PDB file of N, CA and C in Angstrom:
ATOM      1  N   MET A   1    -152.783  42.012 143.604  1.00  0.00           N
ATOM      2  CA  MET A   1    -153.108  42.550 142.299  1.00  0.00           C
ATOM      3  C   MET A   1    -151.834  43.068 141.649  1.00  0.00           C
ATOM      4  N   VAL A   2    -151.677  42.790 140.378  1.00  0.00           N
ATOM      5  CA  VAL A   2    -150.511  43.250 139.628  1.00  0.00           C
ATOM      6  C   VAL A   2    -150.811  44.635 139.078  1.00  0.00           C
ATOM      7  N   ARG A   3    -149.922  45.580 139.339  1.00  0.00           N
ATOM      8  CA  ARG A   3    -150.132  46.948 138.861  1.00  0.00           C
ATOM      9  C   ARG A   3    -148.953  47.392 138.017  1.00  0.00           C
ATOM     10  N   ASN A   4    -149.256  48.151 136.985  1.00  0.00           N
ATOM     11  CA  ASN A   4    -148.239  48.795 136.156  1.00  0.00           C
ATOM     12  C   ASN A   4    -147.171  47.835 135.656  1.00  0.00           C
ATOM     13  N   LYS A   5    -147.567  46.663 135.251  1.00  0.00           N
ATOM     14  CA  LYS A   5    -146.624  45.697 134.702  1.00  0.00           C
ATOM     15  C   LYS A   5    -146.625  45.820 133.184  1.00  0.00           C
ATOM     16  N   VAL A   6    -145.471  45.627 132.611  1.00  0.00           N
ATOM     17  CA  VAL A   6    -145.357  45.591 131.160  1.00  0.00           C
ATOM     18  C   VAL A   6    -145.977  44.285 130.700  1.00  0.00           C
ATOM     19  N   LYS A   7    -146.584  44.309 129.516  1.00  0.00           N
ATOM     20  CA  LYS A   7    -147.284  43.137 128.999  1.00  0.00           C
ATOM     21  C   LYS A   7    -146.480  41.856 129.155  1.00  0.00           C
ATOM     22  N   SER A   8    -145.214  41.875 128.805  1.00  0.00           N
ATOM     23  CA  SER A   8    -144.395  40.666 128.852  1.00  0.00           C
ATOM     24  C   SER A   8    -144.147  40.176 130.274  1.00  0.00           C
ATOM     25  N   ASP A   9    -144.410  41.013 131.273  1.00  0.00           N
ATOM     26  CA  ASP A   9    -144.198  40.625 132.664  1.00  0.00           C
ATOM     27  C   ASP A   9    -145.402  39.903 133.267  1.00  0.00           C
ATOM     28  N   ILE A  10    -146.526  39.925 132.598  1.00  0.00           N
ATOM     29  CA  ILE A  10    -147.730  39.301 133.133  1.00  0.00           C
ATOM     30  C   ILE A  10    -147.865  37.922 132.508  1.00  0.00           C
ATOM     31  N   ASN A  11    -147.681  36.903 133.319  1.00  0.00           N
ATOM     32  CA  ASN A  11    -147.708  35.529 132.852  1.00  0.00           C
ATOM     33  C   ASN A  11    -149.065  35.190 132.225  1.00  0.00           C
ATOM     34  N   GLY A  12    -149.053  34.746 131.001  1.00  0.00           N
ATOM     35  CA  GLY A  12    -150.266  34.306 130.334  1.00  0.00           C
ATOM     36  C   GLY A  12    -151.032  35.383 129.589  1.00  0.00           C
ATOM     37  N   LEU A  13    -150.620  36.645 129.701  1.00  0.00           N
ATOM     38  CA  LEU A  13    -151.361  37.715 129.033  1.00  0.00           C
ATOM     39  C   LEU A  13    -151.361  37.535 127.524  1.00  0.00           C
ATOM     40  N   ASP A  14    -150.239  37.126 126.964  1.00  0.00           N
ATOM     41  CA  ASP A  14    -150.181  36.926 125.516  1.00  0.00           C
ATOM     42  C   ASP A  14    -151.145  35.834 125.068  1.00  0.00           C
ATOM     43  N   GLN A  15    -151.279  34.784 125.864  1.00  0.00           N
ATOM     44  CA  GLN A  15    -152.209  33.706 125.525  1.00  0.00           C
ATOM     45  C   GLN A  15    -153.654  34.179 125.623  1.00  0.00           C
ATOM     46  N   LEU A  16    -153.954  34.940 126.658  1.00  0.00           N
ATOM     47  CA  LEU A  16    -155.305  35.476 126.816  1.00  0.00           C
ATOM     48  C   LEU A  16    -155.647  36.398 125.653  1.00  0.00           C
ATOM     49  N   CYS A  17    -154.718  37.262 125.277  1.00  0.00           N
ATOM     50  CA  CYS A  17    -154.943  38.170 124.151  1.00  0.00           C
ATOM     51  C   CYS A  17    -155.194  37.391 122.864  1.00  0.00           C
ATOM     52  N   ALA A  18    -154.468  36.306 122.668  1.00  0.00           N
ATOM     53  CA  ALA A  18    -154.660  35.480 121.476  1.00  0.00           C
ATOM     54  C   ALA A  18    -156.066  34.883 121.447  1.00  0.00           C
ATOM     55  N   VAL A  19    -156.553  34.421 122.593  1.00  0.00           N
ATOM     56  CA  VAL A  19    -157.913  33.876 122.667  1.00  0.00           C
ATOM     57  C   VAL A  19    -158.934  34.973 122.393  1.00  0.00           C
ATOM     58  N   LEU A  20    -158.749  36.137 123.009  1.00  0.00           N
ATOM     59  CA  LEU A  20    -159.683  37.247 122.801  1.00  0.00           C
ATOM     60  C   LEU A  20    -159.751  37.646 121.329  1.00  0.00           C
ATOM     61  N   CYS A  21    -158.623  37.613 120.654  1.00  0.00           N
ATOM     62  CA  CYS A  21    -158.586  37.964 119.229  1.00  0.00           C
ATOM     63  C   CYS A  21    -159.330  36.950 118.367  1.00  0.00           C
ATOM     64  N   GLN A  22    -159.458  35.732 118.843  1.00  0.00           N
ATOM     65  CA  GLN A  22    -160.151  34.698 118.078  1.00  0.00           C
ATOM     66  C   GLN A  22    -161.666  34.821 118.175  1.00  0.00           C
ATOM     67  N   ILE A  23    -162.150  35.460 119.220  1.00  0.00           N
ATOM     68  CA  ILE A  23    -163.596  35.587 119.423  1.00  0.00           C
ATOM     69  C   ILE A  23    -164.109  36.755 118.595  1.00  0.00           C
ATOM     70  N   ARG A  24    -164.957  36.462 117.631  1.00  0.00           N
ATOM     71  CA  ARG A  24    -165.462  37.487 116.708  1.00  0.00           C
ATOM     72  C   ARG A  24    -166.907  37.900 116.999  1.00  0.00           C
ATOM     73  N   ASP A  25    -167.608  37.108 117.768  1.00  0.00           N
ATOM     74  CA  ASP A  25    -169.018  37.356 118.048  1.00  0.00           C
ATOM     75  C   ASP A  25    -169.162  38.065 119.401  1.00  0.00           C
ATOM     76  N   VAL A  26    -169.925  39.146 119.425  1.00  0.00           N
ATOM     77  CA  VAL A  26    -170.086  39.936 120.651  1.00  0.00           C
ATOM     78  C   VAL A  26    -170.691  39.095 121.773  1.00  0.00           C
ATOM     79  N   LYS A  27    -171.696  38.302 121.470  1.00  0.00           N
ATOM     80  CA  LYS A  27    -172.338  37.467 122.497  1.00  0.00           C
ATOM     81  C   LYS A  27    -171.364  36.429 123.049  1.00  0.00           C
ATOM     82  N   GLN A  28    -170.568  35.818 122.167  1.00  0.00           N
ATOM     83  CA  GLN A  28    -169.572  34.856 122.631  1.00  0.00           C
ATOM     84  C   GLN A  28    -168.536  35.536 123.520  1.00  0.00           C
ATOM     85  N   MET A  29    -168.140  36.738 123.150  1.00  0.00           N
ATOM     86  CA  MET A  29    -167.177  37.481 123.965  1.00  0.00           C
ATOM     87  C   MET A  29    -167.767  37.765 125.338  1.00  0.00           C
ATOM     88  N   GLU A  30    -169.023  38.176 125.360  1.00  0.00           N
ATOM     89  CA  GLU A  30    -169.686  38.458 126.631  1.00  0.00           C
ATOM     90  C   GLU A  30    -169.742  37.203 127.501  1.00  0.00           C
ATOM     91  N   LEU A  31    -170.103  36.070 126.906  1.00  0.00           N
ATOM     92  CA  LEU A  31    -170.142  34.807 127.645  1.00  0.00           C
ATOM     93  C   LEU A  31    -168.760  34.431 128.167  1.00  0.00           C
ATOM     94  N   PHE A  32    -167.747  34.573 127.327  1.00  0.00           N
ATOM     95  CA  PHE A  32    -166.380  34.250 127.724  1.00  0.00           C
ATOM     96  C   PHE A  32    -165.948  35.102 128.916  1.00  0.00           C
ATOM     97  N   LEU A  33    -166.162  36.411 128.817  1.00  0.00           N
ATOM     98  CA  LEU A  33    -165.762  37.305 129.906  1.00  0.00           C
ATOM     99  C   LEU A  33    -166.517  36.989 131.194  1.00  0.00           C
ATOM    100  N   ASN A  34    -167.804  36.639 131.063  1.00  0.00           N
ATOM    101  CA  ASN A  34    -168.582  36.260 132.242  1.00  0.00           C
ATOM    102  C   ASN A  34    -168.081  34.962 132.863  1.00  0.00           C
ATOM    103  N   GLU A  35    -167.514  34.083 132.044  1.00  0.00           N
ATOM    104  CA  GLU A  35    -166.988  32.822 132.567  1.00  0.00           C
ATOM    105  C   GLU A  35    -165.668  33.004 133.309  1.00  0.00           C
ATOM    106  N   ILE A  36    -164.830  33.904 132.841  1.00  0.00           N
ATOM    107  CA  ILE A  36    -163.494  34.001 133.447  1.00  0.00           C
ATOM    108  C   ILE A  36    -163.342  35.142 134.449  1.00  0.00           C
ATOM    109  N   MET A  37    -164.322  36.032 134.513  1.00  0.00           N
ATOM    110  CA  MET A  37    -164.209  37.176 135.417  1.00  0.00           C
ATOM    111  C   MET A  37    -165.366  37.187 136.405  1.00  0.00           C
ATOM    112  N   THR A  38    -165.111  37.761 137.570  1.00  0.00           N
ATOM    113  CA  THR A  38    -166.180  37.952 138.546  1.00  0.00           C
ATOM    114  C   THR A  38    -167.000  39.176 138.140  1.00  0.00           C
ATOM    115  N   LEU A  39    -168.164  39.323 138.751  1.00  0.00           N
ATOM    116  CA  LEU A  39    -168.982  40.506 138.473  1.00  0.00           C
ATOM    117  C   LEU A  39    -168.242  41.781 138.856  1.00  0.00           C
ATOM    118  N   ALA A  40    -167.502  41.738 139.945  1.00  0.00           N
ATOM    119  CA  ALA A  40    -166.738  42.917 140.381  1.00  0.00           C
ATOM    120  C   ALA A  40    -165.668  43.276 139.353  1.00  0.00           C
ATOM    121  N   GLU A  41    -164.992  42.267 138.814  1.00  0.00           N
ATOM    122  CA  GLU A  41    -163.963  42.515 137.801  1.00  0.00           C
ATOM    123  C   GLU A  41    -164.575  43.084 136.525  1.00  0.00           C
ATOM    124  N   LEU A  42    -165.714  42.539 136.121  1.00  0.00           N
ATOM    125  CA  LEU A  42    -166.403  43.064 134.936  1.00  0.00           C
ATOM    126  C   LEU A  42    -166.866  44.495 135.170  1.00  0.00           C
ATOM    127  N   HIS A  43    -167.350  44.765 136.370  1.00  0.00           N
ATOM    128  CA  HIS A  43    -167.782  46.123 136.710  1.00  0.00           C
ATOM    129  C   HIS A  43    -166.611  47.093 136.597  1.00  0.00           C
ATOM    130  N   ASP A  44    -165.465  46.724 137.162  1.00  0.00           N
ATOM    131  CA  ASP A  44    -164.277  47.584 137.103  1.00  0.00           C
ATOM    132  C   ASP A  44    -163.837  47.826 135.663  1.00  0.00           C
ATOM    133  N   LEU A  45    -163.847  46.783 134.867  1.00  0.00           N
ATOM    134  CA  LEU A  45    -163.430  46.892 133.471  1.00  0.00           C
ATOM    135  C   LEU A  45    -164.376  47.794 132.678  1.00  0.00           C
ATOM    136  N   THR A  46    -165.678  47.588 132.835  1.00  0.00           N
ATOM    137  CA  THR A  46    -166.637  48.409 132.091  1.00  0.00           C
ATOM    138  C   THR A  46    -166.662  49.847 132.603  1.00  0.00           C
ATOM    139  N   LEU A  47    -166.434  50.030 133.894  1.00  0.00           N
ATOM    140  CA  LEU A  47    -166.352  51.380 134.454  1.00  0.00           C
ATOM    141  C   LEU A  47    -165.183  52.140 133.829  1.00  0.00           C
ATOM    142  N   ARG A  48    -164.041  51.462 133.730  1.00  0.00           N
ATOM    143  CA  ARG A  48    -162.858  52.096 133.143  1.00  0.00           C
ATOM    144  C   ARG A  48    -163.105  52.424 131.666  1.00  0.00           C
ATOM    145  N   TRP A  49    -163.757  51.523 130.938  1.00  0.00           N
ATOM    146  CA  TRP A  49    -164.056  51.779 129.531  1.00  0.00           C
ATOM    147  C   TRP A  49    -165.004  52.970 129.394  1.00  0.00           C
ATOM    148  N   GLU A  50    -166.016  53.037 130.259  1.00  0.00           N
ATOM    149  CA  GLU A  50    -166.971  54.145 130.198  1.00  0.00           C
ATOM    150  C   GLU A  50    -166.290  55.476 130.489  1.00  0.00           C
ATOM    151  N   LEU A  51    -165.383  55.503 131.454  1.00  0.00           N
ATOM    152  CA  LEU A  51    -164.696  56.771 131.736  1.00  0.00           C
ATOM    153  C   LEU A  51    -163.824  57.179 130.552  1.00  0.00           C
ATOM    154  N   MET A  52    -163.220  56.214 129.865  1.00  0.00           N
ATOM    155  CA  MET A  52    -162.418  56.520 128.676  1.00  0.00           C
ATOM    156  C   MET A  52    -163.315  57.075 127.563  1.00  0.00           C
ATOM    157  N   ARG A  53    -164.491  56.490 127.408  1.00  0.00           N
ATOM    158  CA  ARG A  53    -165.432  56.992 126.392  1.00  0.00           C
ATOM    159  C   ARG A  53    -165.831  58.434 126.696  1.00  0.00           C
ATOM    160  N   LYS A  54    -166.139  58.702 127.959  1.00  0.00           N
ATOM    161  CA  LYS A  54    -166.546  60.059 128.341  1.00  0.00           C
ATOM    162  C   LYS A  54    -165.410  61.057 128.120  1.00  0.00           C
ATOM    163  N   LEU A  55    -164.196  60.671 128.485  1.00  0.00           N
ATOM    164  CA  LEU A  55    -163.045  61.549 128.251  1.00  0.00           C
ATOM    165  C   LEU A  55    -162.886  61.845 126.764  1.00  0.00           C
ATOM    166  N   SER A  56    -163.041  60.831 125.940  1.00  0.00           N
ATOM    167  CA  SER A  56    -162.866  61.019 124.497  1.00  0.00           C
ATOM    168  C   SER A  56    -163.957  61.909 123.908  1.00  0.00           C
ATOM    169  N   GLN A  57    -165.088  61.996 124.599  1.00  0.00           N
ATOM    170  CA  GLN A  57    -166.186  62.856 124.152  1.00  0.00           C
ATOM    171  C   GLN A  57    -166.059  64.277 124.696  1.00  0.00           C
ATOM    172  N   GLY A  58    -165.003  64.513 125.492  1.00  0.00           N
ATOM    173  CA  GLY A  58    -164.760  65.854 126.008  1.00  0.00           C
ATOM    174  C   GLY A  58    -165.429  66.182 127.329  1.00  0.00           C
ATOM    175  N   VAL A  59    -165.981  65.188 128.004  1.00  0.00           N
ATOM    176  CA  VAL A  59    -166.603  65.431 129.303  1.00  0.00           C
ATOM    177  C   VAL A  59    -165.499  65.787 130.306  1.00  0.00           C
ATOM    178  N   PRO A  60    -165.672  66.871 131.079  1.00  0.00           N
ATOM    179  CA  PRO A  60    -164.654  67.277 132.052  1.00  0.00           C
ATOM    180  C   PRO A  60    -164.393  66.193 133.104  1.00  0.00           C
ATOM    181  N   GLN A  61    -163.144  66.102 133.539  1.00  0.00           N
ATOM    182  CA  GLN A  61    -162.746  65.072 134.496  1.00  0.00           C
ATOM    183  C   GLN A  61    -163.538  65.143 135.797  1.00  0.00           C
ATOM    184  N   ARG A  62    -163.737  66.342 136.309  1.00  0.00           N
ATOM    185  CA  ARG A  62    -164.473  66.476 137.573  1.00  0.00           C
ATOM    186  C   ARG A  62    -165.927  66.045 137.422  1.00  0.00           C
ATOM    187  N   GLN A  63    -166.510  66.284 136.271  1.00  0.00           N
ATOM    188  CA  GLN A  63    -167.886  65.847 136.019  1.00  0.00           C
ATOM    189  C   GLN A  63    -167.951  64.320 135.976  1.00  0.00           C
ATOM    190  N   ILE A  64    -166.968  63.702 135.325  1.00  0.00           N
ATOM    191  CA  ILE A  64    -166.911  62.237 135.271  1.00  0.00           C
ATOM    192  C   ILE A  64    -166.777  61.671 136.682  1.00  0.00           C
ATOM    193  N   ALA A  65    -165.901  62.263 137.481  1.00  0.00           N
ATOM    194  CA  ALA A  65    -165.694  61.805 138.861  1.00  0.00           C
ATOM    195  C   ALA A  65    -166.989  61.890 139.658  1.00  0.00           C
ATOM    196  N   SER A  66    -167.692  62.996 139.504  1.00  0.00           N
ATOM    197  CA  SER A  66    -168.939  63.204 140.231  1.00  0.00           C
ATOM    198  C   SER A  66    -170.028  62.239 139.770  1.00  0.00           C
ATOM    199  N   GLU A  67    -170.200  62.111 138.466  1.00  0.00           N
ATOM    200  CA  GLU A  67    -171.261  61.264 137.911  1.00  0.00           C
ATOM    201  C   GLU A  67    -171.011  59.779 138.144  1.00  0.00           C
ATOM    202  N   MET A  68    -169.756  59.374 138.054  1.00  0.00           N
ATOM    203  CA  MET A  68    -169.445  57.948 138.123  1.00  0.00           C
ATOM    204  C   MET A  68    -168.942  57.505 139.491  1.00  0.00           C
ATOM    205  N   GLY A  69    -168.667  58.464 140.371  1.00  0.00           N
ATOM    206  CA  GLY A  69    -168.201  58.127 141.709  1.00  0.00           C
ATOM    207  C   GLY A  69    -166.829  57.469 141.729  1.00  0.00           C
ATOM    208  N   ILE A  70    -165.933  57.955 140.873  1.00  0.00           N
ATOM    209  CA  ILE A  70    -164.579  57.398 140.821  1.00  0.00           C
ATOM    210  C   ILE A  70    -163.551  58.494 141.066  1.00  0.00           C
ATOM    211  N   SER A  71    -162.351  58.062 141.413  1.00  0.00           N
ATOM    212  CA  SER A  71    -161.303  59.014 141.774  1.00  0.00           C
ATOM    213  C   SER A  71    -160.746  59.742 140.554  1.00  0.00           C
ATOM    214  N   LEU A  72    -160.267  60.950 140.807  1.00  0.00           N
ATOM    215  CA  LEU A  72    -159.613  61.717 139.750  1.00  0.00           C
ATOM    216  C   LEU A  72    -158.332  61.025 139.286  1.00  0.00           C
ATOM    217  N   CYS A  73    -157.745  60.211 140.161  1.00  0.00           N
ATOM    218  CA  CYS A  73    -156.523  59.470 139.793  1.00  0.00           C
ATOM    219  C   CYS A  73    -156.789  58.539 138.609  1.00  0.00           C
ATOM    220  N   LYS A  74    -157.865  57.763 138.683  1.00  0.00           N
ATOM    221  CA  LYS A  74    -158.216  56.858 137.583  1.00  0.00           C
ATOM    222  C   LYS A  74    -158.504  57.647 136.317  1.00  0.00           C
ATOM    223  N   ILE A  75    -159.195  58.750 136.483  1.00  0.00           N
ATOM    224  CA  ILE A  75    -159.571  59.563 135.329  1.00  0.00           C
ATOM    225  C   ILE A  75    -158.338  60.201 134.703  1.00  0.00           C
ATOM    226  N   THR A  76    -157.433  60.692 135.532  1.00  0.00           N
ATOM    227  CA  THR A  76    -156.200  61.298 135.026  1.00  0.00           C
ATOM    228  C   THR A  76    -155.382  60.282 134.247  1.00  0.00           C
ATOM    229  N   ARG A  77    -155.326  59.058 134.735  1.00  0.00           N
ATOM    230  CA  ARG A  77    -154.604  58.000 134.017  1.00  0.00           C
ATOM    231  C   ARG A  77    -155.224  57.806 132.633  1.00  0.00           C
ATOM    232  N   GLY A  78    -156.543  57.767 132.575  1.00  0.00           N
ATOM    233  CA  GLY A  78    -157.228  57.621 131.293  1.00  0.00           C
ATOM    234  C   GLY A  78    -156.953  58.792 130.366  1.00  0.00           C
ATOM    235  N   ALA A  79    -156.927  59.989 130.927  1.00  0.00           N
ATOM    236  CA  ALA A  79    -156.653  61.180 130.117  1.00  0.00           C
ATOM    237  C   ALA A  79    -155.252  61.122 129.524  1.00  0.00           C
ATOM    238  N   LYS A  80    -154.294  60.633 130.305  1.00  0.00           N
ATOM    239  CA  LYS A  80    -152.920  60.504 129.804  1.00  0.00           C
ATOM    240  C   LYS A  80    -152.852  59.509 128.655  1.00  0.00           C
ATOM    241  N   VAL A  81    -153.584  58.426 128.776  1.00  0.00           N
ATOM    242  CA  VAL A  81    -153.617  57.427 127.698  1.00  0.00           C
ATOM    243  C   VAL A  81    -154.161  58.058 126.423  1.00  0.00           C
ATOM    244  N   LEU A  82    -155.233  58.822 126.541  1.00  0.00           N
ATOM    245  CA  LEU A  82    -155.855  59.425 125.358  1.00  0.00           C
ATOM    246  C   LEU A  82    -155.004  60.534 124.747  1.00  0.00           C
ATOM    247  N   LYS A  83    -154.136  61.148 125.526  1.00  0.00           N
ATOM    248  CA  LYS A  83    -153.244  62.184 124.987  1.00  0.00           C
ATOM    249  C   LYS A  83    -152.104  61.596 124.174  1.00  0.00           C
ATOM    250  N   ASN A  84    -151.808  60.332 124.401  1.00  0.00           N
ATOM    251  CA  ASN A  84    -150.737  59.655 123.666  1.00  0.00           C
ATOM    252  C   ASN A  84    -151.214  59.348 122.247  1.00  0.00           C
ATOM    253  N   LYS A  85    -150.596  59.979 121.256  1.00  0.00           N
ATOM    254  CA  LYS A  85    -151.051  59.819 119.869  1.00  0.00           C
ATOM    255  C   LYS A  85    -150.900  58.393 119.353  1.00  0.00           C
ATOM    256  N   ASP A  86    -150.069  57.585 120.007  1.00  0.00           N
ATOM    257  CA  ASP A  86    -149.865  56.195 119.596  1.00  0.00           C
ATOM    258  C   ASP A  86    -150.736  55.206 120.376  1.00  0.00           C
ATOM    259  N   SER A  87    -151.588  55.706 121.244  1.00  0.00           N
ATOM    260  CA  SER A  87    -152.426  54.854 122.088  1.00  0.00           C
ATOM    261  C   SER A  87    -153.450  54.077 121.260  1.00  0.00           C
ATOM    262  N   ILE A  88    -153.522  52.778 121.506  1.00  0.00           N
ATOM    263  CA  ILE A  88    -154.520  51.936 120.847  1.00  0.00           C
ATOM    264  C   ILE A  88    -155.919  52.368 121.278  1.00  0.00           C
ATOM    265  N   THR A  89    -156.076  52.652 122.552  1.00  0.00           N
ATOM    266  CA  THR A  89    -157.374  53.096 123.068  1.00  0.00           C
ATOM    267  C   THR A  89    -157.822  54.359 122.356  1.00  0.00           C
ATOM    268  N   ARG A  90    -156.919  55.292 122.207  1.00  0.00           N
ATOM    269  CA  ARG A  90    -157.228  56.544 121.504  1.00  0.00           C
ATOM    270  C   ARG A  90    -157.676  56.261 120.072  1.00  0.00           C
ATOM    271  N   LYS A  91    -156.994  55.345 119.406  1.00  0.00           N
ATOM    272  CA  LYS A  91    -157.351  55.021 118.023  1.00  0.00           C
ATOM    273  C   LYS A  91    -158.770  54.484 117.927  1.00  0.00           C
ATOM    274  N   PHE A  92    -159.189  53.704 118.915  1.00  0.00           N
ATOM    275  CA  PHE A  92    -160.553  53.178 118.908  1.00  0.00           C
ATOM    276  C   PHE A  92    -161.577  54.244 119.262  1.00  0.00           C
ATOM    277  N   LEU A  93    -161.276  55.057 120.263  1.00  0.00           N
ATOM    278  CA  LEU A  93    -162.247  56.042 120.725  1.00  0.00           C
ATOM    279  C   LEU A  93    -162.276  57.301 119.876  1.00  0.00           C
ATOM    280  N   VAL A  94    -161.136  57.865 119.607  1.00  0.00           N
ATOM    281  CA  VAL A  94    -161.073  59.106 118.836  1.00  0.00           C
ATOM    282  C   VAL A  94    -161.300  58.816 117.355  1.00  0.00           C
ATOM    283  N   GLY A  95    -160.883  57.636 116.928  1.00  0.00           N
ATOM    284  CA  GLY A  95    -161.064  57.234 115.536  1.00  0.00           C
ATOM    285  C   GLY A  95    -162.484  56.808 115.220  1.00  0.00           C
ATOM    286  N   LYS A  96    -163.392  56.953 116.180  1.00  0.00           N
ATOM    287  CA  LYS A  96    -164.815  56.650 116.014  1.00  0.00           C
ATOM    288  C   LYS A  96    -165.090  55.176 115.746  1.00  0.00           C
ATOM    289  N   LYS A  97    -164.192  54.302 116.202  1.00  0.00           N
ATOM    290  CA  LYS A  97    -164.430  52.875 116.028  1.00  0.00           C
ATOM    291  C   LYS A  97    -165.176  52.286 117.219  1.00  0.00           C
ATOM    292  N   ALA A  98    -165.252  53.036 118.307  1.00  0.00           N
ATOM    293  CA  ALA A  98    -165.894  52.512 119.515  1.00  0.00           C
ATOM    294  C   ALA A  98    -167.402  52.536 119.377  1.00  0.00           C
ATOM    295  N   LEU A  99    -168.041  51.646 120.091  1.00  0.00           N
ATOM    296  CA  LEU A  99    -169.507  51.579 120.073  1.00  0.00           C
ATOM    297  C   LEU A  99    -170.105  52.620 120.980  1.00  0.00           C
TER     298      LEU A  99
END
């Protein structure tokens, strides 16, 4: 597994991002993600998104860890992302653009 790589270091990430940007329909996006990812990968991705949503809503980190059964390390990483005023994730979650 590749960890903490800069976008340009991950082969094909730019191409994948370009494809994702072309998909405008939620159902098509769901089908696409189901085609290219395993259930475990989708679970990990949605789990991480849910913890980010909870953090942005002000839920305490320890409560998130307890409710979701995930490590404080993952949660702390998410909290750091949301503290960054230039974070894209923050703009979606704090800017009320998230579903």
